[in-house]
Amino acid sequence: MSQTTASSPAPSADPTLVARLRADLEVSGYTVEGVESALGPVAASALHREQALPALRASAPGPTDDAAQPAVLTLTRLFVLGQAVPAVALDAALPSLTAAGAAELGLVALSGEAPQGSQDAEPTARPLVDLRPYAAHDARGPVDWWLASDLGELATGGRLAGDHVLGAGGASITLAQVTVRSPRTRVLDLGTGCGIQALHASRHAQTVVATDISERALRFAAFNAALDGVRLDLRLGSMLEPVAGEEFDLVVSNPPFVITPRRAATDGAGGAEVPSGDDSLPGEIPTYEYRDGGRSGDDLVRDLVTGVGAVLAPGGVAQMLGNWEHRAGEPWTERVGRWLDESGLDGWVIQREVLDPAEYAETWIRDGGTTPEREPEAWAAAYGAWLDDFASRDVEAIGFGILLLRRPLPGEQVTLRRLEEHTGSVRQPLGAHLETSLAAHLWLETLDDAALGAQRLVAAADVTEERFYTPGAADPNIVILRQGDGLGRGVHASTSLSALVGACDGELSVAQIVTAIASIFEVSADDLSAELLPAVRGLVRDGFLAEQG
């Protein structure tokens, strides 16, 4: 199985040319909405499913004047679909930059610069990068940018290069949506790739440092920052090495967490480690800088969790995505929980997805561009290597999720240890909800039961109640408090707890409400308080109830 290499350098961030490009893009209609409108609903939907043919047809130029093609279709055909376009059409789409300027930036190769032997009948522009509009909504609000990355499998029709720089994929978008967005002084984007997390962070941070082990990725990040008018401090290096000795209020990371099979030597204690300096893989399985961290199993994520506290300022937060192994006889919560214990940080882990070893292997072999239809032998070799690797560590499943870590302030103790599974739908962006929940936890830690009872709480506007009755029964046998925002939690509630939540409008304290309910139900107020206050703490922590503003 051969490993390909990048065929073109990263684009230039020449300020004059980038400014011309930005000016052209701003008037071209080349936005997410503009592309979908120009392609039409059928082609746009197919493109979201990684099917290019309808979009190729919808963006095909007319039979006469190449320069008359709408700019948005020319740019979509070139930079999203990976098709060569007439140079005159690109001149028309980017009138300030022109095709020659795009070539100077490294975005395209003109027909005269094409590989030897090209028989182009007329001057054409061939794409060297993927440059597309990006629209998202994080906890700070909506954003609209353009992002450059390497051309993907949809455009090239082949396997990805080892130094492939990924654009805004599903994991990147997820991390951007779950990240807290309150104002920060210094933010670190560890493993920045094309720079997407750093761009998001620039909207609420005074300084953003972005690191990557790939110099090529940093060049893409520099281009994207210039194109979108953002200042970044870009540094080359592995993991936390480029920022050793520094502190940050927020660390975000979509690290190379994919668990890739490696040729390993037994360490004598039943475990396996990759020998120092040996990153070879069984069957020459290709590695990709954007996803493969060069470590055995989930060691990279573990090392990041246990080490990130060294660069967190007191009260600072780290948020990252990761994979972890579910090993036979060991609940994942115990495994990841040990990482949290070793970190010395407050920790909250939400497992969002679980794949069995076969599903995991299929996902990531396809992600690199290898398919059983196109390369059956390579597919089988990689598939077998993945299954063997997982079997060597008794891995039964692989979890994917979100990790939120916080360094306690001086004098504080670690109080947050929360590991949960939530595979259902959530209301994105989730960052504001997570930040509110973390703040609620810290607030609750300052309150004993008497102090909590003195609080005047209010029920969140998104909370609803569901009641289930046995036919003919006067009282419900199940009451569920349902959250419409955030994680969309459902909490089984007693009738008295439901009554308490319903009465939380900020007028009465929790203790007053409990006393009133106890009187109605003719029970001891002390006993009812002992029953309800732990539940109230959970509801405050999860956003059902809040401190009166």
Protein backbone atom coordinates (compact mmCIF):
# COMPACT_ATOMS: atom_id res chain seq x y z
CA MET A 1 0.00 0.00 0.00
CA SER A 2 1.72 3.16 -1.16
CA GLN A 3 1.67 6.49 0.65
CA THR A 4 1.20 9.59 -1.48
CA THR A 5 2.74 12.98 -0.75
CA ALA A 6 1.45 16.49 -1.24
CA SER A 7 1.64 17.64 -4.84
CA SER A 8 1.55 21.39 -4.25
CA PRO A 9 2.82 23.88 -1.69
CA ALA A 10 0.50 25.71 0.68
CA PRO A 11 -0.83 29.03 -0.59
CA SER A 12 0.98 32.31 -0.07
CA ALA A 13 -0.33 34.90 2.39
CA ASP A 14 0.90 37.85 0.31
CA PRO A 15 -1.10 40.74 1.84
CA THR A 16 -1.69 42.67 -1.38
CA LEU A 17 -2.92 39.67 -3.35
CA VAL A 18 -4.97 38.32 -0.44
CA ALA A 19 -6.68 41.71 -0.09
CA ARG A 20 -7.62 41.61 -3.77
CA LEU A 21 -8.96 38.08 -3.38
CA ARG A 22 -11.04 39.08 -0.37
CA ALA A 23 -12.49 42.05 -2.23
CA ASP A 24 -13.47 39.83 -5.16
CA LEU A 25 -15.00 37.15 -2.95
CA GLU A 26 -17.08 39.72 -1.06
CA VAL A 27 -18.95 40.67 -4.23
CA SER A 28 -18.95 37.30 -5.96
CA GLY A 29 -21.88 35.73 -4.14
CA TYR A 30 -19.50 32.93 -3.10
CA THR A 31 -21.13 32.24 0.27
CA VAL A 32 -22.64 29.06 1.66
CA GLU A 33 -26.09 30.36 0.86
CA GLY A 34 -24.97 31.64 -2.52
CA VAL A 35 -23.47 28.30 -3.55
CA GLU A 36 -26.56 26.34 -2.51
CA SER A 37 -28.83 28.78 -4.33
CA ALA A 38 -26.75 28.69 -7.50
CA LEU A 39 -26.53 24.89 -7.57
CA GLY A 40 -30.18 24.34 -6.67
CA PRO A 41 -31.60 22.15 -3.90
CA VAL A 42 -31.03 18.78 -5.59
CA ALA A 43 -27.37 19.37 -6.45
CA ALA A 44 -26.67 21.07 -3.13
CA SER A 45 -28.17 18.19 -1.16
CA ALA A 46 -26.22 15.65 -3.20
CA LEU A 47 -23.00 17.57 -2.55
CA HIS A 48 -23.64 17.36 1.19
CA ARG A 49 -23.76 13.57 0.69
CA GLU A 50 -20.38 13.67 -1.10
CA GLN A 51 -22.01 13.07 -4.49
CA ALA A 52 -20.56 15.48 -7.05
CA LEU A 53 -22.33 14.63 -10.33
CA PRO A 54 -25.45 16.81 -9.87
CA ALA A 55 -23.26 19.76 -8.87
CA LEU A 56 -20.95 19.17 -11.83
CA ARG A 57 -23.93 19.34 -14.14
CA ALA A 58 -25.41 22.38 -12.44
CA SER A 59 -22.10 24.27 -12.60
CA ALA A 60 -21.18 23.32 -16.18
CA PRO A 61 -20.47 26.43 -18.30
CA GLY A 62 -22.66 27.29 -21.23
CA PRO A 63 -21.65 26.51 -24.82
CA THR A 64 -20.69 30.08 -25.74
CA ASP A 65 -19.10 32.71 -23.50
CA ASP A 66 -16.91 31.33 -20.69
CA ALA A 67 -16.67 34.76 -19.08
CA ALA A 68 -20.47 34.93 -18.77
CA GLN A 69 -20.59 32.08 -16.27
CA PRO A 70 -21.78 33.40 -12.85
CA ALA A 71 -18.81 33.92 -10.56
CA VAL A 72 -20.27 31.72 -7.81
CA LEU A 73 -20.57 28.75 -10.20
CA THR A 74 -17.06 29.23 -11.59
CA LEU A 75 -15.57 29.34 -8.09
CA THR A 76 -17.63 26.37 -6.93
CA ARG A 77 -16.64 24.29 -9.93
CA LEU A 78 -12.98 25.18 -9.48
CA PHE A 79 -12.38 25.12 -5.73
CA VAL A 80 -15.09 22.79 -4.37
CA LEU A 81 -15.49 20.29 -7.21
CA GLY A 82 -11.82 20.39 -8.23
CA GLN A 83 -12.44 20.99 -11.93
CA ALA A 84 -10.29 23.07 -14.25
CA VAL A 85 -12.02 26.17 -15.60
CA PRO A 86 -11.14 28.51 -18.48
CA ALA A 87 -8.73 31.22 -17.35
CA VAL A 88 -11.04 33.87 -18.80
CA ALA A 89 -13.85 32.59 -16.58
CA LEU A 90 -11.64 32.91 -13.49
CA ASP A 91 -10.60 36.41 -14.64
CA ALA A 92 -14.30 37.30 -14.71
CA ALA A 93 -14.99 35.70 -11.31
CA LEU A 94 -11.97 37.37 -9.65
CA PRO A 95 -11.55 40.60 -11.63
CA SER A 96 -9.25 42.32 -9.14
CA LEU A 97 -7.02 39.34 -8.44
CA THR A 98 -7.33 37.67 -11.90
CA ALA A 99 -6.28 34.14 -12.77
CA ALA A 100 -2.65 35.24 -12.82
CA GLY A 101 -2.93 36.56 -9.27
CA ALA A 102 -4.61 33.34 -8.12
CA ALA A 103 -1.69 31.42 -9.60
CA GLU A 104 0.79 33.71 -7.82
CA LEU A 105 -0.98 32.97 -4.53
CA GLY A 106 -0.71 29.25 -5.22
CA LEU A 107 -4.44 28.70 -5.52
CA VAL A 108 -4.37 27.47 -9.13
CA ALA A 109 -1.96 26.33 -11.81
CA LEU A 110 -2.48 27.95 -15.19
CA SER A 111 -2.28 25.80 -18.30
CA GLY A 112 1.24 27.04 -19.08
CA GLU A 113 2.34 25.82 -15.63
CA ALA A 114 0.57 22.48 -15.85
CA PRO A 115 2.54 19.21 -15.81
CA GLN A 116 4.62 18.52 -18.91
CA GLY A 117 2.64 16.86 -21.66
CA SER A 118 -0.62 18.74 -20.97
CA GLN A 119 -2.61 19.22 -24.18
CA ASP A 120 -4.92 22.02 -23.02
CA ALA A 121 -6.57 23.60 -26.04
CA GLU A 122 -7.02 26.96 -24.32
CA PRO A 123 -5.64 28.61 -21.19
CA THR A 124 -7.17 26.99 -18.13
CA ALA A 125 -6.87 27.25 -14.37
CA ARG A 126 -6.47 24.00 -12.46
CA PRO A 127 -7.20 24.09 -8.69
CA LEU A 128 -4.37 23.44 -6.26
CA VAL A 129 -6.41 24.00 -3.08
CA ASP A 130 -9.94 23.74 -1.80
CA LEU A 131 -11.19 27.28 -1.12
CA ARG A 132 -14.78 27.47 -0.01
CA PRO A 133 -17.17 29.61 2.02
CA TYR A 134 -17.70 28.67 5.65
CA ALA A 135 -20.71 29.60 7.76
CA ALA A 136 -21.23 28.52 11.35
CA HIS A 137 -22.89 29.54 14.59
CA ASP A 138 -20.93 29.29 17.83
CA ALA A 139 -21.75 30.56 21.31
CA ARG A 140 -20.60 34.02 20.20
CA GLY A 141 -23.02 34.14 17.27
CA PRO A 142 -22.88 33.56 13.50
CA VAL A 143 -19.70 33.69 11.41
CA ASP A 144 -19.07 33.84 7.67
CA TRP A 145 -15.55 33.23 6.37
CA TRP A 146 -13.65 31.56 3.55
CA LEU A 147 -11.35 28.64 4.29
CA ALA A 148 -8.54 27.14 2.24
CA SER A 149 -7.40 23.56 2.70
CA ASP A 150 -6.19 20.71 0.53
CA LEU A 151 -8.43 19.29 -2.16
CA GLY A 152 -10.32 16.30 -0.79
CA GLU A 153 -11.16 12.90 -2.18
CA LEU A 154 -14.33 14.23 -3.81
CA ALA A 155 -12.22 16.53 -6.01
CA THR A 156 -9.17 14.33 -6.57
CA GLY A 157 -10.79 10.90 -6.75
CA GLY A 158 -7.81 9.38 -4.94
CA ARG A 159 -6.27 8.69 -1.57
CA LEU A 160 -5.30 11.65 0.58
CA ALA A 161 -1.69 12.74 0.92
CA GLY A 162 0.10 12.10 4.19
CA ASP A 163 0.48 15.82 4.86
CA HIS A 164 -3.11 16.58 3.83
CA VAL A 165 -4.47 19.71 5.51
CA LEU A 166 -8.11 19.18 6.35
CA GLY A 167 -10.77 21.85 6.07
CA ALA A 168 -13.69 22.34 8.43
CA GLY A 169 -14.86 18.77 8.98
CA GLY A 170 -17.58 17.53 11.28
CA ALA A 171 -15.26 17.25 14.29
CA SER A 172 -13.95 20.79 13.80
CA ILE A 173 -17.45 22.20 13.61
CA THR A 174 -18.48 20.27 16.73
CA LEU A 175 -15.55 21.64 18.72
CA ALA A 176 -16.26 25.20 17.57
CA GLN A 177 -19.87 24.85 18.69
CA VAL A 178 -19.13 23.39 22.14
CA THR A 179 -16.33 25.81 23.04
CA VAL A 180 -17.02 28.47 25.67
CA ARG A 181 -16.95 31.98 24.22
CA SER A 182 -16.73 34.36 27.17
CA PRO A 183 -13.97 37.00 26.78
CA ARG A 184 -10.46 35.60 27.22
CA THR A 185 -7.03 37.18 27.41
CA ARG A 186 -4.96 34.38 25.88
CA VAL A 187 -6.23 31.35 23.94
CA LEU A 188 -4.21 28.39 22.66
CA ASP A 189 -5.36 26.35 19.66
CA LEU A 190 -3.30 23.18 19.90
CA GLY A 191 -3.07 21.35 16.56
CA THR A 192 -4.64 24.17 14.58
CA GLY A 193 -4.62 22.55 11.12
CA CYS A 194 -6.13 25.05 8.70
CA GLY A 195 -6.79 27.41 11.63
CA ILE A 196 -10.54 27.06 12.08
CA GLN A 197 -10.54 26.96 15.91
CA ALA A 198 -8.11 29.87 16.07
CA LEU A 199 -10.38 31.93 13.84
CA HIS A 200 -13.33 31.29 16.14
CA ALA A 201 -11.21 32.12 19.19
CA SER A 202 -10.08 35.43 17.68
CA ARG A 203 -13.57 36.83 18.17
CA HIS A 204 -13.40 36.69 21.97
CA ALA A 205 -9.68 36.66 22.82
CA GLN A 206 -7.02 39.36 22.95
CA THR A 207 -4.30 36.97 21.80
CA VAL A 208 -4.58 33.64 19.99
CA VAL A 209 -1.61 31.30 19.74
CA ALA A 210 -2.02 28.45 17.25
CA THR A 211 0.40 25.53 17.06
CA ASP A 212 0.85 22.54 14.79
CA ILE A 213 3.46 19.90 14.08
CA SER A 214 2.93 20.53 10.35
CA GLU A 215 4.62 23.56 8.83
CA ARG A 216 2.36 23.15 5.82
CA ALA A 217 -0.75 23.33 7.99
CA LEU A 218 0.55 26.54 9.59
CA ARG A 219 0.94 28.08 6.14
CA PHE A 220 -2.69 27.30 5.37
CA ALA A 221 -3.65 28.80 8.74
CA ALA A 222 -1.64 31.93 7.91
CA PHE A 223 -3.41 32.25 4.56
CA ASN A 224 -6.86 31.81 6.13
CA ALA A 225 -6.09 34.31 8.87
CA ALA A 226 -4.99 36.87 6.28
CA LEU A 227 -8.01 36.21 4.07
CA ASP A 228 -10.44 36.61 6.97
CA GLY A 229 -8.68 39.57 8.58
CA VAL A 230 -7.47 37.85 11.75
CA ARG A 231 -4.13 38.13 13.58
CA LEU A 232 -2.69 34.86 14.90
CA ASP A 233 0.55 33.90 16.64
CA LEU A 234 1.49 30.73 14.71
CA ARG A 235 4.10 28.33 16.13
CA LEU A 236 5.60 25.09 14.87
CA GLY A 237 5.99 22.17 17.25
CA SER A 238 4.53 19.06 18.84
CA MET A 239 1.89 19.02 21.56
CA LEU A 240 2.65 21.58 24.28
CA GLU A 241 6.33 22.11 23.41
CA PRO A 242 5.89 25.45 21.56
CA VAL A 243 4.16 27.04 24.59
CA ALA A 244 6.10 25.50 27.47
CA GLY A 245 6.17 27.85 30.45
CA GLU A 246 3.24 29.95 29.24
CA GLU A 247 -0.33 30.13 30.55
CA PHE A 248 -3.66 30.45 28.75
CA ASP A 249 -7.21 31.21 29.87
CA LEU A 250 -8.58 28.78 27.27
CA VAL A 251 -7.03 25.86 25.40
CA VAL A 252 -8.91 24.28 22.52
CA SER A 253 -7.75 21.24 20.63
CA ASN A 254 -9.00 18.92 17.94
CA PRO A 255 -5.89 16.75 18.27
CA PRO A 256 -4.82 13.86 16.03
CA PHE A 257 -6.77 11.43 18.19
CA VAL A 258 -7.47 8.64 15.69
CA ILE A 259 -6.36 5.25 17.01
CA THR A 260 -4.24 3.82 14.19
CA PRO A 261 -2.64 0.35 14.32
CA ARG A 262 1.09 0.47 14.91
CA ARG A 263 3.87 -2.11 14.86
CA ALA A 264 4.52 -2.45 18.57
CA ALA A 265 6.86 -4.36 20.86
CA THR A 266 5.55 -5.88 24.09
CA ASP A 267 6.80 -3.93 27.08
CA GLY A 268 7.09 -7.02 29.24
CA ALA A 269 4.08 -6.15 31.38
CA GLY A 270 1.40 -7.16 28.94
CA GLY A 271 1.15 -3.74 27.36
CA ALA A 272 2.45 -2.52 24.04
CA GLU A 273 4.35 0.60 23.12
CA VAL A 274 5.73 1.89 19.83
CA PRO A 275 9.53 1.76 20.06
CA SER A 276 11.17 5.18 20.28
CA GLY A 277 11.66 6.64 16.83
CA ASP A 278 9.63 3.89 15.12
CA ASP A 279 6.39 5.08 13.63
CA SER A 280 6.12 2.35 11.01
CA LEU A 281 2.77 0.71 10.56
CA PRO A 282 1.82 -2.88 9.77
CA GLY A 283 1.24 -3.40 6.07
CA GLU A 284 2.47 0.15 5.37
CA ILE A 285 -0.85 1.64 6.45
CA PRO A 286 -0.68 5.31 5.49
CA THR A 287 -0.59 7.90 8.22
CA TYR A 288 -2.07 11.37 8.05
CA GLU A 289 -0.70 14.29 10.01
CA TYR A 290 -4.14 15.75 10.66
CA ARG A 291 -5.45 12.65 12.46
CA ASP A 292 -2.60 10.29 13.48
CA GLY A 293 -0.62 11.36 16.53
CA GLY A 294 2.07 8.69 16.33
CA ARG A 295 1.12 6.99 19.57
CA SER A 296 -0.24 3.57 20.44
CA GLY A 297 -3.94 3.30 21.26
CA ASP A 298 -5.41 6.34 22.99
CA ASP A 299 -2.12 7.41 24.59
CA LEU A 300 -2.06 10.80 22.84
CA VAL A 301 -5.41 11.85 24.28
CA ARG A 302 -4.37 10.59 27.72
CA ASP A 303 -1.12 12.57 27.57
CA LEU A 304 -2.95 15.72 26.52
CA VAL A 305 -5.51 15.38 29.31
CA THR A 306 -2.85 14.77 31.96
CA GLY A 307 -0.46 17.43 30.65
CA VAL A 308 -2.59 20.38 29.56
CA GLY A 309 -2.86 21.73 33.11
CA ALA A 310 0.76 22.87 32.81
CA VAL A 311 -0.29 25.65 30.42
CA LEU A 312 -3.64 26.54 31.97
CA ALA A 313 -3.90 29.72 34.00
CA PRO A 314 -5.75 29.37 37.33
CA GLY A 315 -9.44 29.18 36.48
CA GLY A 316 -8.54 28.46 32.85
CA VAL A 317 -10.48 25.93 30.78
CA ALA A 318 -9.34 23.36 28.22
CA GLN A 319 -11.77 21.84 25.73
CA MET A 320 -10.90 19.08 23.33
CA LEU A 321 -12.23 16.17 21.35
CA GLY A 322 -10.91 12.66 21.74
CA ASN A 323 -11.22 8.91 21.33
CA TRP A 324 -10.77 6.41 24.13
CA GLU A 325 -10.75 2.65 24.20
CA HIS A 326 -13.34 0.51 25.95
CA ARG A 327 -11.32 -2.45 27.14
CA ALA A 328 -12.72 -5.76 28.37
CA GLY A 329 -13.51 -5.74 32.06
CA GLU A 330 -12.88 -2.00 32.46
CA PRO A 331 -15.67 0.58 32.18
CA TRP A 332 -14.61 3.55 30.05
CA THR A 333 -15.52 5.85 32.92
CA GLU A 334 -12.85 4.22 35.08
CA ARG A 335 -10.23 4.43 32.35
CA VAL A 336 -10.83 8.07 31.45
CA GLY A 337 -11.53 8.88 35.11
CA ARG A 338 -7.95 7.89 35.96
CA TRP A 339 -6.71 10.39 33.38
CA LEU A 340 -8.74 13.09 35.11
CA ASP A 341 -7.39 12.09 38.50
CA GLU A 342 -3.83 12.28 37.20
CA SER A 343 -4.47 15.68 35.61
CA GLY A 344 -5.28 17.42 38.88
CA LEU A 345 -8.02 19.33 37.06
CA ASP A 346 -11.77 19.57 37.31
CA GLY A 347 -13.10 17.32 34.58
CA TRP A 348 -16.29 16.77 32.62
CA VAL A 349 -16.38 14.17 29.85
CA ILE A 350 -19.37 13.61 27.57
CA GLN A 351 -19.24 10.50 25.42
CA ARG A 352 -21.16 11.25 22.23
CA GLU A 353 -20.62 8.15 20.12
CA VAL A 354 -19.48 4.54 20.49
CA LEU A 355 -18.24 2.35 17.61
CA ASP A 356 -17.23 -1.27 17.64
CA PRO A 357 -13.73 -2.06 16.30
CA ALA A 358 -15.00 -3.00 12.85
CA GLU A 359 -17.08 0.18 12.50
CA TYR A 360 -14.15 2.26 13.66
CA ALA A 361 -11.76 0.66 11.17
CA GLU A 362 -14.19 1.14 8.29
CA THR A 363 -14.72 4.81 9.18
CA TRP A 364 -11.06 5.78 9.23
CA ILE A 365 -9.89 3.65 6.31
CA ARG A 366 -12.52 5.35 4.16
CA ASP A 367 -11.58 8.72 5.65
CA GLY A 368 -8.13 8.38 4.07
CA GLY A 369 -9.57 7.67 0.64
CA THR A 370 -9.15 3.88 0.53
CA THR A 371 -12.29 1.97 -0.49
CA PRO A 372 -12.96 -1.75 -0.96
CA GLU A 373 -14.25 -1.06 -4.46
CA ARG A 374 -11.16 0.83 -5.64
CA GLU A 375 -8.40 -0.94 -3.67
CA PRO A 376 -9.70 -4.28 -2.35
CA GLU A 377 -6.31 -5.63 -1.29
CA ALA A 378 -5.27 -2.44 0.48
CA TRP A 379 -8.66 -2.28 2.16
CA ALA A 380 -8.40 -5.85 3.44
CA ALA A 381 -4.86 -5.35 4.72
CA ALA A 382 -5.73 -2.19 6.60
CA TYR A 383 -8.96 -3.66 7.96
CA GLY A 384 -7.16 -6.69 9.32
CA ALA A 385 -4.41 -4.59 10.88
CA TRP A 386 -6.94 -2.45 12.72
CA LEU A 387 -8.82 -5.47 14.05
CA ASP A 388 -5.58 -7.14 15.16
CA ASP A 389 -4.41 -3.99 16.90
CA PHE A 390 -7.61 -3.62 18.90
CA ALA A 391 -7.63 -7.33 19.74
CA SER A 392 -4.09 -7.05 21.15
CA ARG A 393 -5.43 -4.71 23.86
CA ASP A 394 -8.82 -6.41 24.37
CA VAL A 395 -10.61 -3.37 22.95
CA GLU A 396 -14.34 -3.99 22.67
CA ALA A 397 -15.41 -0.52 21.52
CA ILE A 398 -14.10 2.99 20.94
CA GLY A 399 -15.72 6.08 22.39
CA PHE A 400 -15.71 9.58 20.96
CA GLY A 401 -16.58 12.65 22.91
CA ILE A 402 -15.98 16.06 24.40
CA LEU A 403 -13.64 16.79 27.29
CA LEU A 404 -13.87 19.94 29.41
CA LEU A 405 -11.11 20.53 31.97
CA ARG A 406 -10.57 23.40 34.39
CA ARG A 407 -7.61 24.34 36.55
CA PRO A 408 -8.84 25.24 40.08
CA LEU A 409 -8.07 28.65 41.48
CA PRO A 410 -5.48 28.90 44.28
CA GLY A 411 -7.00 27.46 47.43
CA GLU A 412 -9.72 25.56 45.54
CA GLN A 413 -10.02 21.79 45.53
CA VAL A 414 -10.88 19.61 42.56
CA THR A 415 -14.64 19.14 42.85
CA LEU A 416 -15.88 18.27 39.35
CA ARG A 417 -15.70 14.64 38.25
CA ARG A 418 -18.40 14.03 35.71
CA LEU A 419 -18.25 11.29 33.08
CA GLU A 420 -21.46 10.63 31.24
CA GLU A 421 -22.82 9.29 27.99
CA HIS A 422 -25.11 11.39 25.86
CA THR A 423 -25.57 10.01 22.36
CA GLY A 424 -28.83 11.80 21.59
CA SER A 425 -29.31 15.06 19.78
CA VAL A 426 -28.19 18.32 21.37
CA ARG A 427 -29.04 21.94 20.73
CA GLN A 428 -25.99 23.57 19.17
CA PRO A 429 -24.12 25.71 19.81
CA LEU A 430 -23.53 24.01 23.15
CA GLY A 431 -20.71 26.24 24.41
CA ALA A 432 -22.90 28.66 26.35
CA HIS A 433 -24.74 25.79 28.04
CA LEU A 434 -21.51 24.10 29.10
CA GLU A 435 -20.10 27.35 30.45
CA THR A 436 -23.29 28.06 32.39
CA SER A 437 -23.34 24.54 33.80
CA LEU A 438 -19.70 24.78 34.88
CA ALA A 439 -20.37 28.11 36.58
CA ALA A 440 -23.42 26.63 38.31
CA HIS A 441 -21.34 23.74 39.65
CA LEU A 442 -18.77 26.13 41.07
CA TRP A 443 -21.50 28.29 42.61
CA LEU A 444 -23.19 25.29 44.22
CA GLU A 445 -19.88 24.28 45.81
CA THR A 446 -20.05 27.49 47.87
CA LEU A 447 -23.55 26.73 49.23
CA ASP A 448 -24.49 24.36 52.03
CA ASP A 449 -28.10 23.16 52.20
CA ALA A 450 -29.20 26.08 54.33
CA ALA A 451 -27.70 28.59 51.91
CA LEU A 452 -29.26 26.78 48.95
CA GLY A 453 -32.61 26.82 50.68
CA ALA A 454 -32.36 30.59 51.01
CA GLN A 455 -31.96 31.07 47.23
CA ARG A 456 -34.76 32.37 45.03
CA LEU A 457 -34.47 30.29 41.88
CA VAL A 458 -36.21 30.56 38.53
CA ALA A 459 -37.10 27.78 36.11
CA ALA A 460 -35.46 28.03 32.69
CA ALA A 461 -37.77 29.04 29.85
CA ASP A 462 -36.98 25.88 27.87
CA VAL A 463 -38.12 23.46 30.59
CA THR A 464 -41.32 21.53 29.95
CA GLU A 465 -43.08 18.73 31.79
CA GLU A 466 -44.34 15.40 30.49
CA ARG A 467 -46.80 13.29 32.49
CA PHE A 468 -47.72 9.69 31.79
CA TYR A 469 -50.88 8.14 33.20
CA THR A 470 -52.20 4.63 33.42
CA PRO A 471 -55.64 4.73 31.75
CA GLY A 472 -58.23 5.71 34.36
CA ALA A 473 -55.67 6.79 36.97
CA ALA A 474 -56.06 10.17 38.65
CA ASP A 475 -52.34 10.67 39.27
CA PRO A 476 -49.41 10.24 36.87
CA ASN A 477 -47.11 7.29 37.35
CA ILE A 478 -44.24 9.02 35.51
CA VAL A 479 -43.31 12.72 35.47
CA ILE A 480 -40.41 13.88 33.31
CA LEU A 481 -38.91 17.36 33.31
CA ARG A 482 -37.62 17.96 29.80
CA GLN A 483 -34.94 20.44 28.75
CA GLY A 484 -35.32 21.97 25.30
CA ASP A 485 -31.90 23.61 25.13
CA GLY A 486 -28.39 22.33 25.79
CA LEU A 487 -28.10 18.57 26.11
CA GLY A 488 -31.88 18.11 26.04
CA ARG A 489 -31.88 16.15 29.27
CA GLY A 490 -34.94 14.42 30.66
CA VAL A 491 -35.16 14.08 34.45
CA HIS A 492 -37.62 11.75 36.20
CA ALA A 493 -39.27 13.82 38.90
CA SER A 494 -41.50 13.11 41.83
CA THR A 495 -44.75 15.05 42.09
CA SER A 496 -43.24 17.19 44.83
CA LEU A 497 -40.12 18.00 42.77
CA SER A 498 -42.29 18.90 39.80
CA ALA A 499 -44.33 21.19 42.05
CA LEU A 500 -41.16 22.85 43.34
CA VAL A 501 -39.87 23.56 39.83
CA GLY A 502 -43.25 24.93 38.83
CA ALA A 503 -43.19 27.33 41.77
CA CYS A 504 -39.65 28.62 41.08
CA ASP A 505 -40.41 32.06 39.69
CA GLY A 506 -38.03 34.07 41.87
CA GLU A 507 -40.69 35.18 44.36
CA LEU A 508 -40.16 32.58 47.08
CA SER A 509 -37.01 30.93 48.37
CA VAL A 510 -36.45 27.21 47.87
CA ALA A 511 -37.03 26.63 51.62
CA GLN A 512 -40.34 28.52 51.52
CA ILE A 513 -41.51 26.48 48.54
CA VAL A 514 -40.54 23.21 50.23
CA THR A 515 -42.44 24.21 53.37
CA ALA A 516 -45.55 25.00 51.32
CA ILE A 517 -45.39 21.71 49.43
CA ALA A 518 -44.85 19.77 52.68
CA SER A 519 -47.99 21.36 54.08
CA ILE A 520 -50.02 20.39 51.00
CA PHE A 521 -48.80 16.80 51.06
CA GLU A 522 -48.95 16.63 54.87
CA VAL A 523 -45.35 15.47 55.28
CA SER A 524 -42.42 16.69 57.34
CA ALA A 525 -40.76 19.77 55.84
CA ASP A 526 -37.35 18.53 57.04
CA ASP A 527 -37.83 15.13 55.42
CA LEU A 528 -39.04 16.69 52.17
CA SER A 529 -36.12 19.12 52.18
CA ALA A 530 -33.67 16.23 52.59
CA GLU A 531 -35.31 14.54 49.60
CA LEU A 532 -35.55 17.55 47.30
CA LEU A 533 -32.39 19.60 47.88
CA PRO A 534 -30.01 17.08 46.21
CA ALA A 535 -32.36 17.03 43.22
CA VAL A 536 -32.45 20.84 43.19
CA ARG A 537 -28.65 20.88 43.05
CA GLY A 538 -28.73 18.63 40.01
CA LEU A 539 -31.35 20.77 38.30
CA VAL A 540 -29.32 23.94 38.91
CA ARG A 541 -26.15 22.30 37.64
CA ASP A 542 -27.89 21.12 34.47
CA GLY A 543 -29.66 24.37 33.71
CA PHE A 544 -33.27 23.52 34.64
CA LEU A 545 -33.13 26.03 37.48
CA ALA A 546 -31.01 29.15 37.76
CA GLU A 547 -30.04 31.80 40.24
CA GLN A 548 -32.37 34.77 40.00
CA GLY A 549 -30.75 37.39 37.79
